[in-house]
Amino acid sequence: MELELFSVRRWFSRLQSMQSCAANISNDTPAGLAEFYSAKHASVLIKPEHQGNFASCLFGNTGTSVANPDFASTLSFHELLDKSHRNLRLAVRGLVRAVAINGGSVPLAEDPQKFETRKAKDVFDTDARIVSLCDALASVMPIFPQTGGAQASFKALLKKDATTVKDVIDATVKE
């Protein structure tokens, strides 16, 4: 599970680098990472030279290349990072699956796409398994609700009859 944790942690590290690069260019950069995650890059990096400076900064800090077509085909910083680095949804699916495998509710050999069709309440069927998932996600995703009502809502989602693992993944990455 270390690889899956690393993969999600690395994605958010790159998002934080994006935020830092954008903040060096524009005062309109959202200060909170959750807000930056869904912010429209065109409203922060208004001019083409802003996008160029941003791309140069990001490459210098992370080695991640962002090109003009990447800006043109995405709206948010989240989508831009998905396009230029790695899709967060796939990384989160890997982590959710690894937690389920470690918890003993899913066999290692099960296809990841089949895993998404499972009912969440069957995969995370005990409080211990739910806590394990929430702890894993919170340890690597700064935007994941750590406590309070938002985490209670996430835990309730896991217990609903109609909720699939796909729904849980989508809720986690806010798609």
N, C-alpha and C. Protein backbone atom coordinates (compact mmCIF):
# COMPACT_ATOMS: atom_id res chain seq x y z
N MET A 1 0.81 -1.19 0.00
CA MET A 1 0.00 0.00 0.00
C MET A 1 0.86 1.26 0.00
N GLU A 2 2.12 1.13 0.29
CA GLU A 2 3.01 2.30 0.31
C GLU A 2 3.08 3.00 -1.05
N LEU A 3 3.11 2.22 -2.12
CA LEU A 3 3.16 2.80 -3.46
C LEU A 3 1.91 3.64 -3.74
N GLU A 4 0.75 3.14 -3.35
CA GLU A 4 -0.50 3.87 -3.57
C GLU A 4 -0.55 5.14 -2.73
N LEU A 5 -0.09 5.06 -1.49
CA LEU A 5 -0.02 6.25 -0.65
C LEU A 5 0.92 7.28 -1.26
N PHE A 6 2.08 6.82 -1.71
CA PHE A 6 3.07 7.70 -2.32
C PHE A 6 2.49 8.38 -3.57
N SER A 7 1.78 7.63 -4.37
CA SER A 7 1.23 8.16 -5.62
C SER A 7 0.26 9.31 -5.37
N VAL A 8 -0.63 9.15 -4.42
CA VAL A 8 -1.59 10.23 -4.11
C VAL A 8 -0.86 11.39 -3.43
N ARG A 9 0.04 11.10 -2.51
CA ARG A 9 0.81 12.15 -1.83
C ARG A 9 1.59 12.98 -2.85
N ARG A 10 2.19 12.31 -3.82
CA ARG A 10 2.98 13.00 -4.85
C ARG A 10 2.09 13.90 -5.70
N TRP A 11 0.89 13.43 -6.02
CA TRP A 11 -0.03 14.25 -6.82
C TRP A 11 -0.32 15.55 -6.07
N PHE A 12 -0.60 15.46 -4.78
CA PHE A 12 -0.90 16.67 -4.01
C PHE A 12 0.32 17.54 -3.78
N SER A 13 1.49 16.94 -3.72
CA SER A 13 2.72 17.72 -3.64
C SER A 13 2.89 18.56 -4.90
N ARG A 14 2.58 17.97 -6.04
CA ARG A 14 2.64 18.71 -7.30
C ARG A 14 1.57 19.80 -7.34
N LEU A 15 0.39 19.53 -6.82
CA LEU A 15 -0.65 20.56 -6.77
C LEU A 15 -0.18 21.74 -5.91
N GLN A 16 0.47 21.45 -4.80
CA GLN A 16 0.99 22.52 -3.94
C GLN A 16 2.08 23.32 -4.67
N SER A 17 2.89 22.64 -5.47
CA SER A 17 3.88 23.34 -6.28
C SER A 17 3.20 24.23 -7.31
N MET A 18 2.12 23.72 -7.92
CA MET A 18 1.35 24.53 -8.87
C MET A 18 0.82 25.79 -8.17
N GLN A 19 0.30 25.61 -6.97
CA GLN A 19 -0.26 26.73 -6.23
C GLN A 19 0.83 27.77 -5.93
N SER A 20 1.99 27.31 -5.55
CA SER A 20 3.10 28.22 -5.26
C SER A 20 3.53 28.98 -6.52
N CYS A 21 3.63 28.27 -7.63
CA CYS A 21 4.00 28.92 -8.89
C CYS A 21 2.95 29.96 -9.28
N ALA A 22 1.68 29.60 -9.17
CA ALA A 22 0.62 30.54 -9.53
C ALA A 22 0.63 31.76 -8.61
N ALA A 23 0.88 31.54 -7.33
CA ALA A 23 0.90 32.65 -6.36
C ALA A 23 2.04 33.62 -6.64
N ASN A 24 3.13 33.12 -7.20
CA ASN A 24 4.24 33.99 -7.57
C ASN A 24 3.91 34.86 -8.78
N ILE A 25 2.90 34.47 -9.53
CA ILE A 25 2.52 35.18 -10.75
C ILE A 25 1.28 36.05 -10.55
N SER A 26 0.33 35.57 -9.77
CA SER A 26 -0.95 36.26 -9.65
C SER A 26 -1.41 36.37 -8.20
N ASN A 27 -1.86 37.55 -7.83
CA ASN A 27 -2.44 37.76 -6.50
C ASN A 27 -3.83 37.15 -6.38
N ASP A 28 -4.39 36.71 -7.51
CA ASP A 28 -5.73 36.11 -7.51
C ASP A 28 -5.70 34.61 -7.22
N THR A 29 -4.53 34.08 -6.90
CA THR A 29 -4.40 32.66 -6.60
C THR A 29 -5.08 32.34 -5.27
N PRO A 30 -6.01 31.38 -5.24
CA PRO A 30 -6.64 31.02 -3.97
C PRO A 30 -5.61 30.54 -2.96
N ALA A 31 -5.76 30.99 -1.72
CA ALA A 31 -4.80 30.65 -0.66
C ALA A 31 -4.99 29.22 -0.15
N GLY A 32 -6.23 28.76 -0.12
CA GLY A 32 -6.50 27.41 0.36
C GLY A 32 -6.32 26.38 -0.74
N LEU A 33 -5.74 25.24 -0.39
CA LEU A 33 -5.49 24.21 -1.41
C LEU A 33 -6.78 23.66 -1.99
N ALA A 34 -7.81 23.49 -1.16
CA ALA A 34 -9.10 22.99 -1.67
C ALA A 34 -9.70 23.95 -2.69
N GLU A 35 -9.57 25.24 -2.45
CA GLU A 35 -10.09 26.23 -3.39
C GLU A 35 -9.24 26.25 -4.66
N PHE A 36 -7.92 26.16 -4.49
CA PHE A 36 -7.02 26.14 -5.64
C PHE A 36 -7.29 24.92 -6.52
N TYR A 37 -7.54 23.79 -5.90
CA TYR A 37 -7.81 22.52 -6.59
C TYR A 37 -8.88 22.69 -7.66
N SER A 38 -9.94 23.41 -7.33
CA SER A 38 -11.04 23.55 -8.28
C SER A 38 -11.08 24.92 -8.97
N ALA A 39 -10.12 25.77 -8.69
CA ALA A 39 -10.09 27.10 -9.30
C ALA A 39 -9.85 27.00 -10.81
N LYS A 40 -10.44 27.91 -11.53
CA LYS A 40 -10.26 28.00 -12.98
C LYS A 40 -8.91 28.65 -13.26
N HIS A 41 -8.04 27.93 -13.96
CA HIS A 41 -6.70 28.49 -14.19
C HIS A 41 -6.75 29.75 -15.06
N ALA A 42 -7.74 29.87 -15.93
CA ALA A 42 -7.84 31.05 -16.79
C ALA A 42 -8.16 32.32 -15.99
N SER A 43 -8.77 32.16 -14.81
CA SER A 43 -9.06 33.33 -13.99
C SER A 43 -7.88 33.73 -13.11
N VAL A 44 -6.90 32.87 -13.01
CA VAL A 44 -5.69 33.16 -12.21
C VAL A 44 -4.52 33.52 -13.13
N LEU A 45 -4.34 32.75 -14.18
CA LEU A 45 -3.26 32.96 -15.15
C LEU A 45 -3.88 33.58 -16.40
N ILE A 46 -4.12 34.87 -16.33
CA ILE A 46 -4.95 35.56 -17.31
C ILE A 46 -4.27 35.72 -18.67
N LYS A 47 -3.00 36.04 -18.66
CA LYS A 47 -2.28 36.32 -19.91
C LYS A 47 -1.47 35.11 -20.36
N PRO A 48 -1.23 34.99 -21.65
CA PRO A 48 -0.39 33.88 -22.15
C PRO A 48 0.99 33.84 -21.49
N GLU A 49 1.56 35.00 -21.21
CA GLU A 49 2.88 35.01 -20.55
C GLU A 49 2.78 34.49 -19.11
N HIS A 50 1.63 34.67 -18.46
CA HIS A 50 1.42 34.09 -17.13
C HIS A 50 1.46 32.57 -17.23
N GLN A 51 0.79 32.03 -18.24
CA GLN A 51 0.79 30.58 -18.43
C GLN A 51 2.19 30.07 -18.73
N GLY A 52 2.94 30.80 -19.54
CA GLY A 52 4.32 30.41 -19.85
C GLY A 52 5.21 30.42 -18.62
N ASN A 53 5.09 31.49 -17.82
CA ASN A 53 5.88 31.57 -16.59
C ASN A 53 5.49 30.47 -15.61
N PHE A 54 4.20 30.20 -15.54
CA PHE A 54 3.70 29.13 -14.68
C PHE A 54 4.27 27.78 -15.12
N ALA A 55 4.21 27.50 -16.41
CA ALA A 55 4.72 26.23 -16.95
C ALA A 55 6.21 26.09 -16.67
N SER A 56 6.94 27.16 -16.82
CA SER A 56 8.39 27.14 -16.56
C SER A 56 8.67 26.88 -15.08
N CYS A 57 7.95 27.56 -14.22
CA CYS A 57 8.12 27.37 -12.77
C CYS A 57 7.79 25.94 -12.37
N LEU A 58 6.66 25.44 -12.87
CA LEU A 58 6.24 24.08 -12.50
C LEU A 58 7.25 23.05 -12.98
N PHE A 59 7.76 23.21 -14.18
CA PHE A 59 8.76 22.27 -14.69
C PHE A 59 10.03 22.35 -13.84
N GLY A 60 10.44 23.55 -13.49
CA GLY A 60 11.64 23.71 -12.66
C GLY A 60 11.49 23.10 -11.28
N ASN A 61 10.29 23.17 -10.72
CA ASN A 61 10.06 22.65 -9.37
C ASN A 61 9.75 21.16 -9.32
N THR A 62 9.10 20.64 -10.36
CA THR A 62 8.62 19.26 -10.29
C THR A 62 9.02 18.37 -11.47
N GLY A 63 9.48 18.99 -12.56
CA GLY A 63 9.76 18.21 -13.77
C GLY A 63 8.50 17.92 -14.58
N THR A 64 7.36 18.47 -14.17
CA THR A 64 6.09 18.26 -14.87
C THR A 64 5.95 19.30 -15.97
N SER A 65 5.75 18.84 -17.19
CA SER A 65 5.59 19.73 -18.34
C SER A 65 4.12 20.05 -18.57
N VAL A 66 3.84 21.33 -18.75
CA VAL A 66 2.51 21.79 -19.11
C VAL A 66 2.66 22.59 -20.40
N ALA A 67 1.89 22.23 -21.40
CA ALA A 67 1.97 22.90 -22.70
C ALA A 67 0.69 23.68 -22.97
N ASN A 68 0.73 24.54 -23.98
CA ASN A 68 -0.45 25.33 -24.34
C ASN A 68 -1.70 24.49 -24.58
N PRO A 69 -1.60 23.34 -25.28
CA PRO A 69 -2.81 22.52 -25.46
C PRO A 69 -3.39 22.01 -24.13
N ASP A 70 -2.54 21.83 -23.11
CA ASP A 70 -3.03 21.40 -21.80
C ASP A 70 -3.90 22.48 -21.18
N PHE A 71 -3.47 23.73 -21.31
CA PHE A 71 -4.29 24.84 -20.80
C PHE A 71 -5.60 24.93 -21.58
N ALA A 72 -5.51 24.76 -22.89
CA ALA A 72 -6.69 24.91 -23.76
C ALA A 72 -7.74 23.81 -23.51
N SER A 73 -7.29 22.63 -23.12
CA SER A 73 -8.22 21.50 -22.99
C SER A 73 -8.68 21.24 -21.55
N THR A 74 -8.31 22.10 -20.62
CA THR A 74 -8.72 21.93 -19.22
C THR A 74 -9.26 23.25 -18.68
N LEU A 75 -10.00 23.15 -17.59
CA LEU A 75 -10.55 24.36 -16.96
C LEU A 75 -9.91 24.65 -15.61
N SER A 76 -9.79 23.63 -14.76
CA SER A 76 -9.31 23.85 -13.39
C SER A 76 -7.85 23.41 -13.24
N PHE A 77 -7.25 23.82 -12.13
CA PHE A 77 -5.88 23.37 -11.84
C PHE A 77 -5.86 21.86 -11.62
N HIS A 78 -6.91 21.31 -11.01
CA HIS A 78 -7.03 19.87 -10.82
C HIS A 78 -6.97 19.15 -12.18
N GLU A 79 -7.77 19.61 -13.14
CA GLU A 79 -7.79 19.00 -14.47
C GLU A 79 -6.45 19.17 -15.18
N LEU A 80 -5.82 20.33 -14.99
CA LEU A 80 -4.53 20.59 -15.62
C LEU A 80 -3.47 19.61 -15.10
N LEU A 81 -3.47 19.36 -13.81
CA LEU A 81 -2.51 18.42 -13.24
C LEU A 81 -2.83 16.99 -13.66
N ASP A 82 -4.11 16.66 -13.72
CA ASP A 82 -4.50 15.33 -14.23
C ASP A 82 -3.97 15.12 -15.64
N LYS A 83 -4.07 16.13 -16.47
CA LYS A 83 -3.65 16.03 -17.87
C LYS A 83 -2.14 15.96 -18.01
N SER A 84 -1.43 16.74 -17.22
CA SER A 84 0.01 16.85 -17.40
C SER A 84 0.84 15.89 -16.55
N HIS A 85 0.26 15.34 -15.50
CA HIS A 85 1.02 14.47 -14.61
C HIS A 85 0.40 13.07 -14.54
N ARG A 86 -0.61 12.92 -13.76
CA ARG A 86 -1.29 11.64 -13.59
C ARG A 86 -2.71 11.92 -13.12
N ASN A 87 -3.60 11.11 -13.55
CA ASN A 87 -5.00 11.27 -13.18
C ASN A 87 -5.18 10.92 -11.70
N LEU A 88 -5.64 11.90 -10.92
CA LEU A 88 -5.84 11.70 -9.49
C LEU A 88 -6.84 10.59 -9.22
N ARG A 89 -7.88 10.51 -10.02
CA ARG A 89 -8.92 9.50 -9.80
C ARG A 89 -8.33 8.09 -9.84
N LEU A 90 -7.42 7.83 -10.77
CA LEU A 90 -6.80 6.51 -10.86
C LEU A 90 -5.91 6.24 -9.65
N ALA A 91 -5.21 7.25 -9.20
CA ALA A 91 -4.36 7.09 -8.02
C ALA A 91 -5.21 6.81 -6.77
N VAL A 92 -6.33 7.52 -6.65
CA VAL A 92 -7.21 7.31 -5.50
C VAL A 92 -7.86 5.93 -5.59
N ARG A 93 -8.26 5.52 -6.79
CA ARG A 93 -8.82 4.17 -6.94
C ARG A 93 -7.80 3.13 -6.47
N GLY A 94 -6.54 3.31 -6.84
CA GLY A 94 -5.50 2.39 -6.40
C GLY A 94 -5.38 2.35 -4.89
N LEU A 95 -5.47 3.51 -4.25
CA LEU A 95 -5.36 3.57 -2.80
C LEU A 95 -6.58 2.93 -2.12
N VAL A 96 -7.77 3.25 -2.61
CA VAL A 96 -8.99 2.67 -2.03
C VAL A 96 -8.96 1.15 -2.17
N ARG A 97 -8.52 0.70 -3.32
CA ARG A 97 -8.42 -0.75 -3.57
C ARG A 97 -7.38 -1.40 -2.65
N ALA A 98 -6.24 -0.74 -2.47
CA ALA A 98 -5.19 -1.27 -1.59
C ALA A 98 -5.68 -1.38 -0.14
N VAL A 99 -6.45 -0.38 0.30
CA VAL A 99 -7.02 -0.43 1.65
C VAL A 99 -7.98 -1.61 1.77
N ALA A 100 -8.80 -1.82 0.73
CA ALA A 100 -9.75 -2.94 0.74
C ALA A 100 -9.03 -4.28 0.73
N ILE A 101 -7.97 -4.39 -0.04
CA ILE A 101 -7.18 -5.63 -0.09
C ILE A 101 -6.53 -5.89 1.26
N ASN A 102 -5.91 -4.84 1.83
CA ASN A 102 -5.28 -4.98 3.15
C ASN A 102 -6.29 -5.35 4.22
N GLY A 103 -7.52 -4.86 4.08
CA GLY A 103 -8.58 -5.17 5.04
C GLY A 103 -9.19 -6.54 4.86
N GLY A 104 -8.84 -7.20 3.76
CA GLY A 104 -9.31 -8.56 3.52
C GLY A 104 -10.67 -8.67 2.87
N SER A 105 -11.24 -7.55 2.38
CA SER A 105 -12.58 -7.63 1.80
C SER A 105 -12.57 -7.78 0.28
N VAL A 106 -11.39 -7.69 -0.33
CA VAL A 106 -11.26 -7.79 -1.79
C VAL A 106 -10.02 -8.62 -2.09
N PRO A 107 -10.12 -9.56 -3.03
CA PRO A 107 -8.93 -10.35 -3.39
C PRO A 107 -7.95 -9.52 -4.22
N LEU A 108 -6.69 -9.78 -4.06
CA LEU A 108 -5.63 -9.07 -4.77
C LEU A 108 -5.80 -9.17 -6.28
N ALA A 109 -6.25 -10.31 -6.77
CA ALA A 109 -6.34 -10.54 -8.21
C ALA A 109 -7.55 -9.89 -8.88
N GLU A 110 -8.44 -9.29 -8.10
CA GLU A 110 -9.64 -8.70 -8.71
C GLU A 110 -9.30 -7.51 -9.59
N ASP A 111 -9.92 -7.49 -10.76
CA ASP A 111 -9.74 -6.41 -11.72
C ASP A 111 -10.18 -5.07 -11.11
N PRO A 112 -9.37 -4.01 -11.25
CA PRO A 112 -9.74 -2.71 -10.68
C PRO A 112 -11.08 -2.17 -11.19
N GLN A 113 -11.41 -2.44 -12.44
CA GLN A 113 -12.69 -1.96 -12.97
C GLN A 113 -13.87 -2.72 -12.35
N LYS A 114 -13.68 -4.00 -12.11
CA LYS A 114 -14.72 -4.78 -11.42
C LYS A 114 -14.85 -4.28 -9.98
N PHE A 115 -13.72 -3.95 -9.36
CA PHE A 115 -13.72 -3.43 -8.00
C PHE A 115 -14.62 -2.20 -7.89
N GLU A 116 -14.60 -1.33 -8.89
CA GLU A 116 -15.41 -0.12 -8.86
C GLU A 116 -16.91 -0.41 -8.85
N THR A 117 -17.31 -1.57 -9.34
CA THR A 117 -18.74 -1.90 -9.41
C THR A 117 -19.27 -2.49 -8.10
N ARG A 118 -18.39 -2.84 -7.19
CA ARG A 118 -18.82 -3.41 -5.92
C ARG A 118 -19.58 -2.38 -5.08
N LYS A 119 -20.45 -2.87 -4.22
CA LYS A 119 -21.15 -2.01 -3.27
C LYS A 119 -20.17 -1.61 -2.17
N ALA A 120 -20.09 -0.33 -1.89
CA ALA A 120 -19.17 0.16 -0.88
C ALA A 120 -19.46 -0.43 0.49
N LYS A 121 -20.73 -0.62 0.80
CA LYS A 121 -21.10 -1.15 2.13
C LYS A 121 -20.63 -2.59 2.31
N ASP A 122 -20.39 -3.31 1.20
CA ASP A 122 -19.88 -4.68 1.29
C ASP A 122 -18.35 -4.71 1.42
N VAL A 123 -17.71 -3.73 0.79
CA VAL A 123 -16.24 -3.66 0.85
C VAL A 123 -15.78 -3.08 2.18
N PHE A 124 -16.43 -2.01 2.61
CA PHE A 124 -16.09 -1.34 3.86
C PHE A 124 -17.23 -1.60 4.84
N ASP A 125 -17.30 -2.85 5.27
CA ASP A 125 -18.46 -3.35 6.01
C ASP A 125 -18.31 -3.30 7.53
N THR A 126 -17.19 -2.80 8.01
CA THR A 126 -17.01 -2.66 9.46
C THR A 126 -16.50 -1.25 9.75
N ASP A 127 -16.70 -0.83 10.99
CA ASP A 127 -16.18 0.49 11.37
C ASP A 127 -14.66 0.54 11.21
N ALA A 128 -13.99 -0.54 11.52
CA ALA A 128 -12.53 -0.57 11.40
C ALA A 128 -12.09 -0.37 9.96
N ARG A 129 -12.80 -0.98 9.01
CA ARG A 129 -12.46 -0.81 7.59
C ARG A 129 -12.75 0.61 7.11
N ILE A 130 -13.83 1.19 7.60
CA ILE A 130 -14.16 2.57 7.25
C ILE A 130 -13.11 3.53 7.80
N VAL A 131 -12.74 3.34 9.06
CA VAL A 131 -11.73 4.19 9.68
C VAL A 131 -10.40 4.04 8.95
N SER A 132 -10.05 2.82 8.58
CA SER A 132 -8.81 2.58 7.85
C SER A 132 -8.79 3.35 6.52
N LEU A 133 -9.90 3.33 5.80
CA LEU A 133 -9.99 4.07 4.54
C LEU A 133 -9.87 5.57 4.79
N CYS A 134 -10.64 6.09 5.72
CA CYS A 134 -10.60 7.52 6.01
C CYS A 134 -9.21 7.96 6.47
N ASP A 135 -8.57 7.17 7.31
CA ASP A 135 -7.22 7.50 7.78
C ASP A 135 -6.22 7.52 6.62
N ALA A 136 -6.32 6.54 5.72
CA ALA A 136 -5.40 6.49 4.58
C ALA A 136 -5.60 7.70 3.68
N LEU A 137 -6.85 8.02 3.37
CA LEU A 137 -7.12 9.17 2.50
C LEU A 137 -6.68 10.47 3.16
N ALA A 138 -6.99 10.64 4.43
CA ALA A 138 -6.64 11.87 5.14
C ALA A 138 -5.13 12.04 5.26
N SER A 139 -4.39 10.93 5.30
CA SER A 139 -2.94 11.02 5.47
C SER A 139 -2.22 11.56 4.23
N VAL A 140 -2.86 11.49 3.07
CA VAL A 140 -2.19 11.92 1.83
C VAL A 140 -2.96 12.96 1.02
N MET A 141 -4.20 13.23 1.41
CA MET A 141 -5.04 14.17 0.66
C MET A 141 -5.41 15.37 1.54
N PRO A 142 -4.71 16.47 1.40
CA PRO A 142 -5.03 17.64 2.23
C PRO A 142 -6.46 18.15 2.06
N ILE A 143 -7.11 17.82 0.95
CA ILE A 143 -8.48 18.28 0.73
C ILE A 143 -9.52 17.32 1.30
N PHE A 144 -9.09 16.14 1.77
CA PHE A 144 -10.03 15.17 2.32
C PHE A 144 -10.49 15.66 3.69
N PRO A 145 -11.80 15.58 3.98
CA PRO A 145 -12.29 16.07 5.29
C PRO A 145 -11.70 15.26 6.44
N GLN A 146 -10.98 15.94 7.31
CA GLN A 146 -10.30 15.28 8.43
C GLN A 146 -11.26 14.90 9.55
N THR A 147 -12.22 15.77 9.80
CA THR A 147 -13.16 15.56 10.91
C THR A 147 -14.48 16.24 10.56
N GLY A 148 -15.41 16.17 11.49
CA GLY A 148 -16.63 16.94 11.38
C GLY A 148 -17.67 16.40 10.42
N GLY A 149 -18.56 17.29 10.04
CA GLY A 149 -19.70 16.93 9.23
C GLY A 149 -19.35 16.36 7.87
N ALA A 150 -18.33 16.91 7.23
CA ALA A 150 -17.96 16.42 5.90
C ALA A 150 -17.46 14.97 5.97
N GLN A 151 -16.68 14.64 7.00
CA GLN A 151 -16.23 13.26 7.12
C GLN A 151 -17.38 12.34 7.52
N ALA A 152 -18.28 12.82 8.35
CA ALA A 152 -19.46 12.03 8.72
C ALA A 152 -20.30 11.74 7.47
N SER A 153 -20.42 12.72 6.58
CA SER A 153 -21.16 12.52 5.33
C SER A 153 -20.48 11.48 4.45
N PHE A 154 -19.14 11.52 4.41
CA PHE A 154 -18.39 10.55 3.62
C PHE A 154 -18.61 9.14 4.18
N LYS A 155 -18.54 9.01 5.49
CA LYS A 155 -18.77 7.70 6.13
C LYS A 155 -20.19 7.21 5.88
N ALA A 156 -21.15 8.11 5.88
CA ALA A 156 -22.54 7.73 5.60
C ALA A 156 -22.68 7.26 4.15
N LEU A 157 -21.97 7.90 3.25
CA LEU A 157 -21.99 7.49 1.84
C LEU A 157 -21.54 6.04 1.70
N LEU A 158 -20.52 5.65 2.46
CA LEU A 158 -20.00 4.29 2.41
C LEU A 158 -21.04 3.25 2.82
N LYS A 159 -21.98 3.65 3.63
CA LYS A 159 -22.96 2.70 4.19
C LYS A 159 -24.27 2.64 3.40
N LYS A 160 -24.44 3.51 2.42
CA LYS A 160 -25.70 3.53 1.65
C LYS A 160 -25.78 2.31 0.74
N ASP A 161 -26.98 1.78 0.60
CA ASP A 161 -27.21 0.59 -0.23
C ASP A 161 -26.82 0.79 -1.69
N ALA A 162 -27.10 1.95 -2.23
CA ALA A 162 -26.89 2.18 -3.66
C ALA A 162 -25.47 2.63 -4.01
N THR A 163 -24.65 2.92 -3.02
CA THR A 163 -23.32 3.46 -3.28
C THR A 163 -22.36 2.38 -3.75
N THR A 164 -21.73 2.63 -4.90
CA THR A 164 -20.69 1.73 -5.40
C THR A 164 -19.32 2.30 -5.02
N VAL A 165 -18.31 1.49 -5.17
CA VAL A 165 -16.95 1.97 -4.91
C VAL A 165 -16.62 3.12 -5.87
N LYS A 166 -17.12 3.05 -7.09
CA LYS A 166 -16.93 4.15 -8.06
C LYS A 166 -17.47 5.46 -7.48
N ASP A 167 -18.65 5.42 -6.87
CA ASP A 167 -19.23 6.61 -6.26
C ASP A 167 -18.33 7.16 -5.15
N VAL A 168 -17.74 6.25 -4.38
CA VAL A 168 -16.85 6.66 -3.29
C VAL A 168 -15.60 7.35 -3.86
N ILE A 169 -15.03 6.77 -4.89
CA ILE A 169 -13.84 7.36 -5.53
C ILE A 169 -14.18 8.73 -6.09
N ASP A 170 -15.29 8.82 -6.80
CA ASP A 170 -15.70 10.11 -7.38
C ASP A 170 -15.94 11.15 -6.30
N ALA A 171 -16.56 10.77 -5.20
CA ALA A 171 -16.79 11.71 -4.10
C ALA A 171 -15.46 12.16 -3.48
N THR A 172 -14.52 11.24 -3.42
CA THR A 172 -13.21 11.56 -2.83
C THR A 172 -12.48 12.61 -3.65
N VAL A 173 -12.52 12.48 -4.97
CA VAL A 173 -11.83 13.45 -5.83
C VAL A 173 -12.76 14.56 -6.30
N LYS A 174 -13.99 14.54 -5.80
CA LYS A 174 -14.99 15.58 -6.07
C LYS A 174 -15.30 15.72 -7.55
N GLU A 175 -15.54 14.58 -8.21
CA GLU A 175 -15.93 14.59 -9.63
C GLU A 175 -17.42 14.44 -9.76
